[in-house]
Amino acid sequence: MTRALDAGVHVLVAAIDGANEASIRFHERLGFEVVGRMPQTGLKFGRWLNLVLMQRILDDRERP
């Protein structure tokens, strides 16, 4: 996260398969929060995938 802050990044975004609970928990431990869910947005091995959107705001800037 330090490199992202040094580069001026304000928000990190993760898009994760909703069935991948381990990855969702991993991101939560890193401070990410679930901000959206999109059902049936992908297809893999003949089944629909649900997309979980997560984000972590890195700083408290009100303006860029």
C-alpha atoms as a PDB file:
ATOM      1  CA  MET A   1       0.000   0.000   0.000  1.00  0.00           C
ATOM      2  CA  THR A   2       2.954   2.295   0.607  1.00  0.00           C
ATOM      3  CA  ARG A   3       3.861   2.259  -3.082  1.00  0.00           C
ATOM      4  CA  ALA A   4       0.302   3.153  -4.024  1.00  0.00           C
ATOM      5  CA  LEU A   5       0.261   6.079  -1.587  1.00  0.00           C
ATOM      6  CA  ASP A   6       3.661   7.245  -2.834  1.00  0.00           C
ATOM      7  CA  ALA A   7       2.255   7.174  -6.375  1.00  0.00           C
ATOM      8  CA  GLY A   8      -0.701   9.346  -5.325  1.00  0.00           C
ATOM      9  CA  VAL A   9      -3.317   6.591  -5.549  1.00  0.00           C
ATOM     10  CA  HIS A  10      -6.448   7.446  -3.571  1.00  0.00           C
ATOM     11  CA  VAL A  11      -8.510   4.223  -3.870  1.00  0.00           C
ATOM     12  CA  LEU A  12      -7.685   0.569  -4.549  1.00  0.00           C
ATOM     13  CA  VAL A  13     -10.391  -1.573  -6.181  1.00  0.00           C
ATOM     14  CA  ALA A  14     -10.677  -5.370  -6.246  1.00  0.00           C
ATOM     15  CA  ALA A  15     -13.089  -7.410  -8.392  1.00  0.00           C
ATOM     16  CA  ILE A  16     -13.435 -10.946  -7.021  1.00  0.00           C
ATOM     17  CA  ASP A  17     -15.479 -14.028  -7.915  1.00  0.00           C
ATOM     18  CA  GLY A  18     -18.226 -14.141  -5.280  1.00  0.00           C
ATOM     19  CA  ALA A  19     -17.564 -17.840  -4.665  1.00  0.00           C
ATOM     20  CA  ASN A  20     -13.947 -17.113  -3.709  1.00  0.00           C
ATOM     21  CA  GLU A  21     -14.580 -16.568  -0.002  1.00  0.00           C
ATOM     22  CA  ALA A  22     -10.901 -16.936   0.882  1.00  0.00           C
ATOM     23  CA  SER A  23      -9.964 -14.035  -1.381  1.00  0.00           C
ATOM     24  CA  ILE A  24     -12.785 -11.887  -0.016  1.00  0.00           C
ATOM     25  CA  ARG A  25     -11.615 -12.556   3.577  1.00  0.00           C
ATOM     26  CA  PHE A  26      -8.009 -11.849   2.555  1.00  0.00           C
ATOM     27  CA  HIS A  27      -8.990  -8.471   1.141  1.00  0.00           C
ATOM     28  CA  GLU A  28     -11.079  -7.686   4.223  1.00  0.00           C
ATOM     29  CA  ARG A  29      -8.011  -8.323   6.402  1.00  0.00           C
ATOM     30  CA  LEU A  30      -6.175  -5.775   4.239  1.00  0.00           C
ATOM     31  CA  GLY A  31      -8.846  -3.164   4.943  1.00  0.00           C
ATOM     32  CA  PHE A  32     -11.020  -3.561   1.844  1.00  0.00           C
ATOM     33  CA  GLU A  33     -14.814  -3.272   2.127  1.00  0.00           C
ATOM     34  CA  VAL A  34     -17.494  -4.779  -0.088  1.00  0.00           C
ATOM     35  CA  VAL A  35     -19.088  -1.937  -2.057  1.00  0.00           C
ATOM     36  CA  GLY A  36     -21.086  -3.873  -4.634  1.00  0.00           C
ATOM     37  CA  ARG A  37     -22.238  -7.207  -5.960  1.00  0.00           C
ATOM     38  CA  MET A  38     -23.055  -7.964  -9.576  1.00  0.00           C
ATOM     39  CA  PRO A  39     -24.853 -11.276 -10.154  1.00  0.00           C
ATOM     40  CA  GLN A  40     -24.147 -13.459 -13.183  1.00  0.00           C
ATOM     41  CA  THR A  41     -21.560 -11.152 -14.766  1.00  0.00           C
ATOM     42  CA  GLY A  42     -19.179 -13.886 -15.824  1.00  0.00           C
ATOM     43  CA  LEU A  43     -19.218 -17.420 -17.155  1.00  0.00           C
ATOM     44  CA  LYS A  44     -16.686 -20.150 -16.432  1.00  0.00           C
ATOM     45  CA  PHE A  45     -16.914 -23.910 -16.883  1.00  0.00           C
ATOM     46  CA  GLY A  46     -20.601 -23.670 -17.730  1.00  0.00           C
ATOM     47  CA  ARG A  47     -21.654 -21.721 -14.643  1.00  0.00           C
ATOM     48  CA  TRP A  48     -22.402 -18.089 -13.898  1.00  0.00           C
ATOM     49  CA  LEU A  49     -19.998 -16.102 -11.754  1.00  0.00           C
ATOM     50  CA  ASN A  50     -21.079 -13.356  -9.393  1.00  0.00           C
ATOM     51  CA  LEU A  51     -18.710 -10.407  -9.098  1.00  0.00           C
ATOM     52  CA  VAL A  52     -17.932  -8.840  -5.721  1.00  0.00           C
ATOM     53  CA  LEU A  53     -16.483  -5.324  -5.859  1.00  0.00           C
ATOM     54  CA  MET A  54     -14.309  -4.234  -2.956  1.00  0.00           C
ATOM     55  CA  GLN A  55     -12.413  -1.033  -2.309  1.00  0.00           C
ATOM     56  CA  ARG A  56      -9.982   0.462   0.136  1.00  0.00           C
ATOM     57  CA  ILE A  57      -9.652   4.224   0.460  1.00  0.00           C
ATOM     58  CA  LEU A  58      -6.006   4.957   1.174  1.00  0.00           C
ATOM     59  CA  ASP A  59      -6.146   8.521   2.457  1.00  0.00           C
ATOM     60  CA  ASP A  60      -8.614  11.090   3.723  1.00  0.00           C
ATOM     61  CA  ARG A  61      -8.194  13.697   0.990  1.00  0.00           C
ATOM     62  CA  GLU A  62     -11.439  15.489   0.189  1.00  0.00           C
ATOM     63  CA  ARG A  63     -10.019  16.822  -3.088  1.00  0.00           C
ATOM     64  CA  PRO A  64      -7.440  15.456  -5.520  1.00  0.00           C
END
